[in-house]
Amino acid sequence: MVAGGATKDARVDQLRIFRGDAPLWSGSQLQAQIARGATLDQLGMKAGDRIQVPSKPDPESKWRITGLIVTSFAAAVGILALTR
C-alpha cells in the first residue's frame, strides 16, 4: 500500500476488487499480488472496477448509541418532572 496507505480501521485482509457485481480479485490471490507490488494494469483493472475495503466494526458505537438513548430518556423524565 502506497500513497498514504490504509487507515487504521481498514480490513486490508478482506480487500476485494469487483467488475460489475462479479469479484475480479479477492482473498490470498489478491494479497499475494499486493505483496509483490502489482500495478493496476498488472491486475487487469479497467475504468469502472470497484475496490472494496471493508472497515473494522467500531466497538464504541454501541456505547455512543446507548448514551444517546439514556440521555434522551433522562431529559424527557427531567422535563416531565419540571412541568408538574
Protein backbone atom coordinates (compact mmCIF):
# COMPACT_ATOMS: atom_id res chain seq x y z
CA MET A 1 0.00 0.00 0.00
CA VAL A 2 1.43 3.34 -1.05
CA ALA A 3 0.13 6.92 -1.35
CA GLY A 4 -0.94 7.31 2.26
CA GLY A 5 -1.74 3.66 2.88
CA ALA A 6 -4.75 2.20 4.56
CA THR A 7 -6.45 3.76 7.58
CA LYS A 8 -6.35 2.10 10.99
CA ASP A 9 -9.96 0.97 10.51
CA ALA A 10 -9.36 -0.72 7.14
CA ARG A 11 -9.61 -4.50 6.94
CA VAL A 12 -7.00 -4.90 4.22
CA ASP A 13 -7.13 -8.68 4.66
CA GLN A 14 -10.69 -8.55 3.26
CA LEU A 15 -9.88 -6.26 0.31
CA ARG A 16 -11.83 -7.16 -2.85
CA ILE A 17 -11.94 -5.86 -6.41
CA PHE A 18 -15.17 -6.10 -8.41
CA ARG A 19 -16.07 -5.68 -12.05
CA GLY A 20 -19.78 -5.06 -12.05
CA ASP A 21 -21.19 -7.46 -9.46
CA ALA A 22 -18.58 -10.16 -10.07
CA PRO A 23 -15.43 -10.37 -7.93
CA LEU A 24 -12.29 -9.86 -10.00
CA TRP A 25 -9.71 -10.30 -7.23
CA SER A 26 -10.02 -11.28 -3.57
CA GLY A 27 -8.50 -13.34 -0.79
CA SER A 28 -4.99 -14.74 -0.76
CA GLN A 29 -4.52 -14.26 -4.51
CA LEU A 30 -5.07 -10.52 -4.19
CA GLN A 31 -2.91 -10.33 -1.05
CA ALA A 32 -0.06 -12.05 -2.92
CA GLN A 33 -0.38 -9.59 -5.83
CA ILE A 34 -0.30 -6.62 -3.44
CA ALA A 35 2.72 -8.07 -1.61
CA ARG A 36 4.67 -8.36 -4.87
CA GLY A 37 3.75 -4.77 -5.79
CA ALA A 38 1.43 -5.46 -8.74
CA THR A 39 0.14 -2.40 -10.59
CA LEU A 40 -3.48 -1.80 -11.60
CA ASP A 41 -2.55 -2.73 -15.17
CA GLN A 42 -0.97 -5.98 -14.00
CA LEU A 43 -4.16 -6.78 -12.09
CA GLY A 44 -6.13 -6.24 -15.30
CA MET A 45 -8.22 -3.46 -13.83
CA LYS A 46 -10.30 -1.20 -16.05
CA ALA A 47 -12.23 2.03 -15.59
CA GLY A 48 -15.36 1.32 -13.55
CA ASP A 49 -13.88 -1.52 -11.48
CA ARG A 50 -14.53 -1.10 -7.75
CA ILE A 51 -12.07 -1.58 -4.93
CA GLN A 52 -13.88 -2.51 -1.72
CA VAL A 53 -12.07 -2.16 1.60
CA PRO A 54 -14.34 -3.15 4.50
CA SER A 55 -13.88 -1.35 7.79
CA LYS A 56 -13.48 -2.85 11.23
CA PRO A 57 -16.54 -2.60 13.48
CA ASP A 58 -16.46 0.34 15.86
CA PRO A 59 -16.79 -1.07 19.39
CA GLU A 60 -17.51 2.39 20.80
CA SER A 61 -20.56 2.94 18.58
CA LYS A 62 -22.74 0.73 20.82
CA TRP A 63 -21.80 2.85 23.83
CA ARG A 64 -22.50 6.09 21.95
CA ILE A 65 -25.96 4.87 20.91
CA THR A 66 -26.69 3.64 24.44
CA GLY A 67 -25.57 7.01 25.81
CA LEU A 68 -27.86 8.88 23.42
CA ILE A 69 -30.84 6.74 24.40
CA VAL A 70 -30.20 7.09 28.14
CA THR A 71 -29.60 10.85 27.83
CA SER A 72 -32.79 11.33 25.79
CA PHE A 73 -34.80 9.33 28.31
CA ALA A 74 -33.32 11.26 31.24
CA ALA A 75 -34.05 14.57 29.51
CA ALA A 76 -37.68 13.54 28.90
CA VAL A 77 -38.09 12.49 32.55
CA GLY A 78 -36.50 15.75 33.70
CA ILE A 79 -38.80 17.86 31.54
CA LEU A 80 -41.87 15.97 32.81
CA ALA A 81 -40.73 16.42 36.42
CA LEU A 82 -40.22 20.17 35.95
CA THR A 83 -43.58 20.73 34.27
CA ARG A 84 -45.65 19.08 37.04
